[in-house]
Amino acid sequence: MPLYEFKCDNCGVFDQWRSIAECNDPASCPTCEGATRRLFSAPALLSGSLRLKTARSEPELVQRSNDREPERPKAQAHNGGRPWMIGH
């Protein structure tokens, strides 16, 4: 099913999934139930295009699963005659 864009004069733009057979049917605003008009725009070709439309004003806070600092990588010592094979 394609995603169509509609505009309500009171509430603004919203998206609605509809079948191709329903593309020209009138839609009502999900907020105020008022009349809307369909907007014609370029098709979204990116698979994550829906995520691109959501704009966040602040960054998302992420918590670590534990309180300790991550371990630093340990230095590897060279104990042989082939220094290019460290760690192999």
N, C-alpha and C. Protein backbone atom coordinates (compact mmCIF):
# COMPACT_ATOMS: atom_id res chain seq x y z
N MET A 1 0.83 -1.18 0.00
CA MET A 1 0.00 0.00 0.00
C MET A 1 0.88 1.25 0.00
N PRO A 2 0.57 2.21 -0.84
CA PRO A 2 1.34 3.46 -0.86
C PRO A 2 0.97 4.38 0.29
N LEU A 3 1.89 5.24 0.60
CA LEU A 3 1.71 6.25 1.65
C LEU A 3 1.39 7.57 0.96
N TYR A 4 0.23 8.15 1.28
CA TYR A 4 -0.19 9.40 0.68
C TYR A 4 -0.09 10.52 1.71
N GLU A 5 0.16 11.72 1.21
CA GLU A 5 0.31 12.90 2.05
C GLU A 5 -0.92 13.78 1.88
N PHE A 6 -1.50 14.21 2.99
CA PHE A 6 -2.68 15.07 2.99
C PHE A 6 -2.38 16.30 3.82
N LYS A 7 -3.13 17.38 3.56
CA LYS A 7 -2.96 18.62 4.33
C LYS A 7 -4.31 19.09 4.85
N CYS A 8 -4.34 19.32 6.15
CA CYS A 8 -5.51 19.90 6.82
C CYS A 8 -5.22 21.38 7.00
N ASP A 9 -6.17 22.25 6.68
CA ASP A 9 -5.95 23.69 6.83
C ASP A 9 -5.76 24.10 8.29
N ASN A 10 -6.31 23.35 9.22
CA ASN A 10 -6.18 23.67 10.64
C ASN A 10 -4.98 23.02 11.31
N CYS A 11 -4.71 21.74 10.99
CA CYS A 11 -3.71 20.96 11.73
C CYS A 11 -2.39 20.77 10.98
N GLY A 12 -2.37 20.90 9.67
CA GLY A 12 -1.13 20.73 8.92
C GLY A 12 -1.09 19.44 8.13
N VAL A 13 0.11 18.99 7.82
CA VAL A 13 0.33 17.84 6.94
C VAL A 13 0.36 16.54 7.75
N PHE A 14 -0.23 15.48 7.19
CA PHE A 14 -0.17 14.15 7.79
C PHE A 14 -0.10 13.11 6.69
N ASP A 15 0.38 11.93 7.02
CA ASP A 15 0.51 10.82 6.07
C ASP A 15 -0.53 9.76 6.39
N GLN A 16 -0.99 9.06 5.34
CA GLN A 16 -1.95 8.00 5.55
C GLN A 16 -1.71 6.89 4.53
N TRP A 17 -1.65 5.63 5.02
CA TRP A 17 -1.51 4.47 4.15
C TRP A 17 -2.87 4.18 3.55
N ARG A 18 -2.93 4.06 2.22
CA ARG A 18 -4.19 3.77 1.54
C ARG A 18 -3.91 2.85 0.35
N SER A 19 -4.92 2.11 -0.05
CA SER A 19 -4.76 1.29 -1.25
C SER A 19 -4.83 2.21 -2.47
N ILE A 20 -4.36 1.73 -3.59
CA ILE A 20 -4.37 2.52 -4.82
C ILE A 20 -5.81 2.82 -5.24
N ALA A 21 -6.73 1.92 -4.97
CA ALA A 21 -8.13 2.14 -5.31
C ALA A 21 -8.73 3.30 -4.52
N GLU A 22 -8.21 3.58 -3.33
CA GLU A 22 -8.72 4.65 -2.47
C GLU A 22 -7.95 5.96 -2.62
N CYS A 23 -7.04 6.05 -3.57
CA CYS A 23 -6.15 7.21 -3.65
C CYS A 23 -6.90 8.52 -3.87
N ASN A 24 -8.02 8.51 -4.59
CA ASN A 24 -8.75 9.75 -4.86
C ASN A 24 -9.92 9.98 -3.92
N ASP A 25 -10.16 9.06 -3.00
CA ASP A 25 -11.23 9.24 -2.02
C ASP A 25 -10.85 10.33 -1.03
N PRO A 26 -11.81 11.12 -0.56
CA PRO A 26 -11.49 12.16 0.42
C PRO A 26 -11.05 11.54 1.75
N ALA A 27 -10.16 12.23 2.42
CA ALA A 27 -9.67 11.77 3.73
C ALA A 27 -10.05 12.81 4.78
N SER A 28 -10.24 12.36 6.00
CA SER A 28 -10.52 13.29 7.09
C SER A 28 -9.29 13.37 7.98
N CYS A 29 -9.09 14.54 8.58
CA CYS A 29 -7.94 14.78 9.45
C CYS A 29 -8.02 13.88 10.68
N PRO A 30 -6.94 13.20 11.07
CA PRO A 30 -6.99 12.34 12.26
C PRO A 30 -7.12 13.12 13.56
N THR A 31 -6.80 14.43 13.55
CA THR A 31 -6.87 15.23 14.77
C THR A 31 -8.22 15.91 14.94
N CYS A 32 -8.64 16.66 13.91
CA CYS A 32 -9.88 17.45 14.05
C CYS A 32 -11.04 16.90 13.23
N GLU A 33 -10.81 15.81 12.46
CA GLU A 33 -11.83 15.18 11.62
C GLU A 33 -12.34 16.12 10.51
N GLY A 34 -11.58 17.17 10.20
CA GLY A 34 -11.97 18.11 9.15
C GLY A 34 -11.60 17.61 7.77
N ALA A 35 -12.06 18.35 6.76
CA ALA A 35 -11.77 18.00 5.36
C ALA A 35 -10.31 18.32 5.04
N THR A 36 -9.73 17.52 4.17
CA THR A 36 -8.33 17.69 3.78
C THR A 36 -8.20 17.64 2.27
N ARG A 37 -7.03 17.98 1.79
CA ARG A 37 -6.73 17.82 0.37
C ARG A 37 -5.44 17.03 0.24
N ARG A 38 -5.35 16.27 -0.82
CA ARG A 38 -4.18 15.43 -1.04
C ARG A 38 -3.06 16.26 -1.64
N LEU A 39 -1.84 16.06 -1.14
CA LEU A 39 -0.66 16.73 -1.67
C LEU A 39 0.05 15.79 -2.63
N PHE A 40 0.57 16.33 -3.69
CA PHE A 40 1.33 15.55 -4.65
C PHE A 40 2.80 15.90 -4.49
N SER A 41 3.60 14.90 -4.21
CA SER A 41 5.03 15.12 -4.00
C SER A 41 5.81 13.99 -4.67
N ALA A 42 7.12 14.15 -4.71
CA ALA A 42 7.98 13.13 -5.30
C ALA A 42 7.90 11.85 -4.47
N PRO A 43 8.01 10.69 -5.11
CA PRO A 43 7.95 9.44 -4.35
C PRO A 43 9.17 9.28 -3.46
N ALA A 44 8.97 8.66 -2.32
CA ALA A 44 10.07 8.38 -1.39
C ALA A 44 10.78 7.11 -1.85
N LEU A 45 12.03 7.23 -2.22
CA LEU A 45 12.78 6.10 -2.74
C LEU A 45 13.68 5.45 -1.71
N LEU A 46 13.87 6.08 -0.56
CA LEU A 46 14.71 5.52 0.49
C LEU A 46 13.90 4.58 1.35
N SER A 47 14.51 3.49 1.78
CA SER A 47 13.79 2.55 2.63
C SER A 47 13.52 3.13 4.01
N GLY A 48 14.35 4.02 4.47
CA GLY A 48 14.15 4.65 5.78
C GLY A 48 13.56 6.03 5.69
N SER A 49 12.80 6.31 4.64
CA SER A 49 12.30 7.66 4.43
C SER A 49 11.34 8.10 5.52
N LEU A 50 10.63 7.18 6.14
CA LEU A 50 9.72 7.57 7.20
C LEU A 50 10.47 8.07 8.43
N ARG A 51 11.65 7.49 8.67
CA ARG A 51 12.45 7.95 9.80
C ARG A 51 13.03 9.34 9.53
N LEU A 52 13.26 9.67 8.29
CA LEU A 52 13.83 10.97 7.96
C LEU A 52 12.83 12.10 8.21
N LYS A 53 11.53 11.80 8.16
CA LYS A 53 10.52 12.84 8.35
C LYS A 53 10.36 13.26 9.80
N THR A 54 10.73 12.40 10.74
CA THR A 54 10.58 12.76 12.15
C THR A 54 11.79 13.58 12.59
N ALA A 55 11.55 14.82 12.90
CA ALA A 55 12.63 15.70 13.35
C ALA A 55 12.59 15.77 14.87
N ARG A 56 13.73 15.58 15.48
CA ARG A 56 13.81 15.65 16.93
C ARG A 56 14.53 16.93 17.32
N SER A 57 13.97 17.64 18.26
CA SER A 57 14.58 18.90 18.68
C SER A 57 15.77 18.67 19.62
N GLU A 58 15.77 17.57 20.34
CA GLU A 58 16.85 17.26 21.27
C GLU A 58 17.40 15.87 20.99
N PRO A 59 18.68 15.65 21.27
CA PRO A 59 19.23 14.30 21.05
C PRO A 59 18.63 13.30 22.03
N GLU A 60 18.63 12.06 21.63
CA GLU A 60 18.08 11.00 22.46
C GLU A 60 19.11 10.58 23.51
N LEU A 61 18.68 10.44 24.76
CA LEU A 61 19.56 10.05 25.86
C LEU A 61 19.64 8.53 25.90
N VAL A 62 20.86 8.01 25.86
CA VAL A 62 21.09 6.56 25.88
C VAL A 62 21.83 6.21 27.15
N GLN A 63 21.36 5.20 27.88
CA GLN A 63 21.98 4.76 29.12
C GLN A 63 22.79 3.50 28.84
N ARG A 64 23.95 3.39 29.48
CA ARG A 64 24.73 2.16 29.38
C ARG A 64 24.13 1.10 30.27
N SER A 65 24.35 -0.14 29.91
CA SER A 65 23.77 -1.24 30.68
C SER A 65 24.51 -1.45 32.00
N ASN A 66 25.76 -1.01 32.09
CA ASN A 66 26.50 -1.13 33.35
C ASN A 66 27.16 0.21 33.67
N ASP A 67 27.57 0.40 34.91
CA ASP A 67 28.13 1.68 35.34
C ASP A 67 29.63 1.80 35.17
N ARG A 68 30.31 0.74 34.85
CA ARG A 68 31.77 0.81 34.77
C ARG A 68 32.21 1.24 33.38
N GLU A 69 33.41 1.73 33.30
CA GLU A 69 33.98 2.18 32.04
C GLU A 69 34.32 0.97 31.17
N PRO A 70 34.26 1.09 29.85
CA PRO A 70 34.65 -0.03 29.00
C PRO A 70 36.15 -0.29 29.10
N GLU A 71 36.51 -1.55 28.92
CA GLU A 71 37.92 -1.93 29.03
C GLU A 71 38.70 -1.36 27.85
N ARG A 72 39.91 -0.90 28.16
CA ARG A 72 40.78 -0.40 27.10
C ARG A 72 41.49 -1.58 26.46
N PRO A 73 41.80 -1.50 25.19
CA PRO A 73 42.50 -2.61 24.55
C PRO A 73 43.90 -2.77 25.14
N LYS A 74 44.30 -4.02 25.30
CA LYS A 74 45.61 -4.31 25.89
C LYS A 74 46.67 -4.27 24.80
N ALA A 75 47.85 -3.78 25.16
CA ALA A 75 48.96 -3.74 24.21
C ALA A 75 49.45 -5.15 23.95
N GLN A 76 49.77 -5.45 22.71
CA GLN A 76 50.24 -6.78 22.36
C GLN A 76 51.77 -6.76 22.29
N ALA A 77 52.34 -7.75 22.89
CA ALA A 77 53.80 -7.84 22.91
C ALA A 77 54.27 -8.67 21.72
N HIS A 78 55.48 -8.37 21.25
CA HIS A 78 56.08 -9.09 20.15
C HIS A 78 57.07 -10.10 20.73
N ASN A 79 56.81 -11.40 20.53
CA ASN A 79 57.67 -12.43 21.10
C ASN A 79 58.26 -13.35 20.04
N GLY A 80 58.26 -12.96 18.81
CA GLY A 80 58.76 -13.86 17.78
C GLY A 80 59.57 -13.10 16.74
N GLY A 81 59.93 -13.80 15.69
CA GLY A 81 60.74 -13.21 14.65
C GLY A 81 59.92 -12.59 13.52
N ARG A 82 58.60 -12.54 13.67
CA ARG A 82 57.76 -11.99 12.61
C ARG A 82 56.88 -10.87 13.19
N PRO A 83 57.37 -9.63 13.24
CA PRO A 83 56.59 -8.55 13.85
C PRO A 83 55.32 -8.21 13.08
N TRP A 84 55.24 -8.56 11.81
CA TRP A 84 54.04 -8.25 11.04
C TRP A 84 52.89 -9.19 11.36
N MET A 85 53.15 -10.24 12.18
CA MET A 85 52.11 -11.19 12.52
C MET A 85 51.64 -11.04 13.96
N ILE A 86 51.76 -9.85 14.52
CA ILE A 86 51.31 -9.63 15.90
C ILE A 86 49.79 -9.81 15.95
N GLY A 87 49.35 -10.63 16.86
CA GLY A 87 47.93 -10.85 17.05
C GLY A 87 47.31 -11.87 16.11
N HIS A 88 48.10 -12.56 15.30
CA HIS A 88 47.55 -13.55 14.38
C HIS A 88 47.87 -14.93 14.85
